Structures are given as structure tokens and as C-alpha cells.
N, C-alpha and C. Protein backbone atom coordinates (compact mmCIF):
# COMPACT_ATOMS: atom_id res chain seq x y z
N VAL A 1 -186.09 214.58 -54.96
CA VAL A 1 -186.61 215.70 -54.75
C VAL A 1 -185.16 216.29 -54.70
N GLU A 2 -185.07 217.84 -55.31
CA GLU A 2 -183.86 218.03 -55.44
C GLU A 2 -183.68 218.74 -54.08
N MET A 3 -182.56 219.56 -54.11
CA MET A 3 -182.07 220.37 -52.73
C MET A 3 -182.09 222.13 -53.36
N ILE A 4 -182.61 222.70 -52.49
CA ILE A 4 -182.95 224.39 -52.46
C ILE A 4 -181.35 224.64 -52.13
N PRO A 5 -180.87 225.68 -53.09
CA PRO A 5 -179.34 226.34 -53.04
C PRO A 5 -179.53 227.09 -52.03
N ASN A 6 -180.53 227.79 -51.51
CA ASN A 6 -180.36 228.73 -50.72
C ASN A 6 -181.71 228.89 -49.58
N ALA A 7 -181.78 227.70 -48.75
CA ALA A 7 -183.22 227.68 -47.81
C ALA A 7 -183.20 228.46 -46.89
N ILE A 8 -182.67 229.10 -46.19
CA ILE A 8 -182.07 230.16 -45.66
C ILE A 8 -183.06 231.73 -46.11
N ALA A 9 -181.92 231.62 -47.34
CA ALA A 9 -182.82 233.03 -47.80
C ALA A 9 -184.74 233.02 -48.44
N ILE A 10 -184.78 231.21 -48.38
CA ILE A 10 -186.18 231.75 -48.69
C ILE A 10 -187.27 231.53 -47.60
N ALA A 11 -186.54 231.19 -46.54
CA ALA A 11 -187.33 231.30 -45.32
C ALA A 11 -187.62 232.79 -44.86
N GLU A 12 -186.15 233.31 -44.93
CA GLU A 12 -186.22 234.77 -44.46
C GLU A 12 -187.08 235.50 -45.20
N LEU A 13 -187.36 235.26 -46.75
CA LEU A 13 -188.24 236.27 -47.51
C LEU A 13 -189.71 235.54 -46.96
N ALA A 14 -190.14 234.36 -47.20
CA ALA A 14 -191.21 233.99 -46.40
C ALA A 14 -191.94 234.64 -44.92
N VAL A 15 -191.05 234.69 -43.98
CA VAL A 15 -191.23 235.87 -42.76
C VAL A 15 -191.29 236.99 -43.03
N GLU A 16 -190.63 237.26 -43.99
CA GLU A 16 -190.23 239.47 -44.66
C GLU A 16 -192.38 239.29 -45.05
N LYS A 17 -192.69 238.44 -45.75
CA LYS A 17 -193.79 238.53 -46.73
C LYS A 17 -194.57 237.85 -45.31
N GLN A 18 -194.68 237.89 -44.64
CA GLN A 18 -195.53 237.27 -42.97
C GLN A 18 -196.28 236.06 -43.44
N ALA A 19 -195.48 234.98 -44.14
CA ALA A 19 -196.12 233.64 -44.13
C ALA A 19 -196.21 233.09 -42.85
N LYS A 20 -196.99 232.26 -42.53
CA LYS A 20 -197.26 231.40 -41.37
C LYS A 20 -196.49 230.40 -41.41
N VAL A 21 -196.81 229.18 -42.57
CA VAL A 21 -196.35 227.92 -42.80
C VAL A 21 -195.46 228.09 -44.32
N LEU A 22 -194.30 227.31 -44.23
CA LEU A 22 -193.09 227.27 -45.20
C LEU A 22 -193.31 225.76 -45.64
N LEU A 23 -193.15 225.35 -46.65
CA LEU A 23 -193.59 223.86 -47.39
C LEU A 23 -191.52 223.90 -47.96
N MET A 24 -191.32 223.03 -46.89
CA MET A 24 -189.85 222.77 -47.77
C MET A 24 -189.53 221.25 -48.12
N PRO A 25 -188.95 220.88 -48.87
CA PRO A 25 -188.26 219.82 -48.82
C PRO A 25 -187.48 219.01 -47.51
N VAL A 26 -187.41 217.69 -47.67
CA VAL A 26 -186.52 217.23 -46.03
C VAL A 26 -185.17 217.48 -46.65
N SER A 27 -184.73 217.70 -47.71
CA SER A 27 -183.39 217.72 -47.89
C SER A 27 -182.47 219.07 -47.71
N ALA A 28 -183.82 219.97 -47.62
CA ALA A 28 -183.27 221.14 -47.29
C ALA A 28 -183.17 221.61 -45.60
N ARG A 29 -183.31 220.25 -44.62
CA ARG A 29 -183.22 220.32 -43.32
C ARG A 29 -182.14 220.87 -42.54
N ARG A 30 -180.88 220.71 -42.86
CA ARG A 30 -179.72 220.48 -42.75
C ARG A 30 -179.53 222.22 -43.31
N ALA A 31 -180.06 222.39 -44.10
CA ALA A 31 -179.36 224.06 -44.62
C ALA A 31 -180.02 224.56 -43.75
N LEU A 32 -181.27 224.44 -43.29
CA LEU A 32 -181.69 225.37 -42.18
C LEU A 32 -181.40 225.40 -40.57
N ASN A 33 -180.28 224.55 -40.45
CA ASN A 33 -179.93 224.23 -38.98
C ASN A 33 -179.30 225.87 -38.28
N ASP A 34 -179.14 226.61 -39.81
CA ASP A 34 -178.12 227.83 -39.25
C ASP A 34 -179.51 229.15 -39.59
N LEU A 35 -180.28 228.95 -39.52
CA LEU A 35 -181.64 229.19 -39.60
C LEU A 35 -181.62 230.28 -37.81
N PRO A 36 -181.64 232.06 -38.09
CA PRO A 36 -181.65 232.18 -37.00
C PRO A 36 -182.89 232.03 -35.73
N ASP A 37 -182.46 231.93 -34.51
CA ASP A 37 -183.73 231.70 -33.83
C ASP A 37 -184.94 232.02 -33.78
N ASP A 38 -184.77 233.89 -33.75
CA ASP A 38 -186.25 234.37 -33.93
C ASP A 38 -186.73 234.24 -35.18
N LEU A 39 -186.11 233.42 -36.41
CA LEU A 39 -186.82 233.55 -37.50
C LEU A 39 -187.79 232.11 -36.85
N TRP A 40 -187.63 230.89 -36.50
CA TRP A 40 -187.82 229.97 -36.05
C TRP A 40 -188.87 229.75 -35.07
N THR A 41 -189.41 230.86 -34.57
CA THR A 41 -190.32 231.18 -33.89
C THR A 41 -191.58 231.89 -34.71
N LYS A 42 -190.86 233.05 -35.88
CA LYS A 42 -192.10 233.23 -36.69
C LYS A 42 -192.61 232.20 -37.64
N ILE A 43 -192.28 231.36 -37.95
CA ILE A 43 -192.58 230.40 -39.42
C ILE A 43 -192.72 228.97 -38.93
N SER A 44 -193.92 228.24 -39.27
CA SER A 44 -193.69 226.87 -39.03
C SER A 44 -193.44 226.13 -40.46
N ILE A 45 -192.37 225.68 -40.33
CA ILE A 45 -191.83 224.50 -41.74
C ILE A 45 -192.14 223.36 -41.52
N GLU A 46 -193.25 222.94 -42.62
CA GLU A 46 -193.64 222.05 -42.41
C GLU A 46 -192.45 221.05 -43.82
N PHE A 47 -191.72 219.84 -43.92
CA PHE A 47 -191.26 219.25 -44.82
C PHE A 47 -191.78 218.09 -45.23
N TYR A 48 -191.23 218.05 -46.74
CA TYR A 48 -192.15 216.73 -47.72
C TYR A 48 -191.11 216.53 -48.14
N LYS A 49 -191.40 214.91 -48.45
CA LYS A 49 -190.42 213.83 -48.76
C LYS A 49 -190.27 213.67 -50.84
N ASP A 50 -191.47 213.76 -51.21
CA ASP A 50 -191.55 213.82 -52.29
C ASP A 50 -192.90 214.50 -53.11
N PRO A 51 -192.92 215.18 -54.33
CA PRO A 51 -193.90 215.79 -54.98
C PRO A 51 -195.44 215.62 -54.35
N GLU A 52 -195.74 214.01 -54.05
CA GLU A 52 -196.95 213.81 -54.19
C GLU A 52 -197.24 214.52 -52.54
N ASP A 53 -196.11 214.69 -51.49
CA ASP A 53 -196.67 214.67 -50.44
C ASP A 53 -196.48 216.17 -50.05
N ALA A 54 -195.91 216.65 -50.75
CA ALA A 54 -195.82 218.40 -50.99
C ALA A 54 -197.22 218.68 -51.74
N VAL A 55 -197.85 218.00 -52.49
CA VAL A 55 -199.29 218.29 -52.75
C VAL A 55 -200.29 217.92 -51.72
N PHE A 56 -200.02 216.85 -50.84
CA PHE A 56 -201.09 216.82 -50.12
C PHE A 56 -201.07 217.78 -49.00
N LYS A 57 -199.86 217.89 -48.09
CA LYS A 57 -199.30 218.71 -47.45
C LYS A 57 -200.02 220.33 -47.72
N GLY A 58 -199.78 220.49 -49.22
CA GLY A 58 -200.26 221.91 -49.60
C GLY A 58 -201.57 222.17 -49.34
N LEU A 59 -202.52 220.66 -49.57
CA LEU A 59 -203.84 221.16 -49.88
C LEU A 59 -204.62 221.17 -48.39
N GLU A 60 -203.58 220.13 -47.35
CA GLU A 60 -204.12 219.83 -46.16
C GLU A 60 -204.27 221.22 -45.19
N GLU A 61 -203.75 222.58 -45.50
CA GLU A 61 -203.48 223.44 -45.10
C GLU A 61 -205.08 224.22 -45.17
């Protein structure tokens, strides 16, 4: 799983587009530490470890 270059911008865009859940690779976890607190309350972030896990979690919703 490759690192996402700007995870915070993706999370901000997801909130702007009124997404309820955002699926991100676990490698983006540290980058999201700088996500503002108000955004954490507006979206649920699910992390995946590999492409198979991402598909499973995407279909689970």
C-alpha cells in the first residue's frame, strides 16, 4: 500500500462533499494526526492494510 501524499486535503475534501466515511490506507494514519479536531467529528475514517482489506471494508458499508 502506497503512501498518500496529502491525506489531510483528501479528508477535508471528503468532509466538504459531505462524505460520512473515508477509507484510507493505514500508512496515512500519522499524516492525519494534524487533521483539525472539528473535522474528526464530521467524518469516520476507516483504515485498511492492503487492497483486499480495502475492498472488503468498501463492500461492508
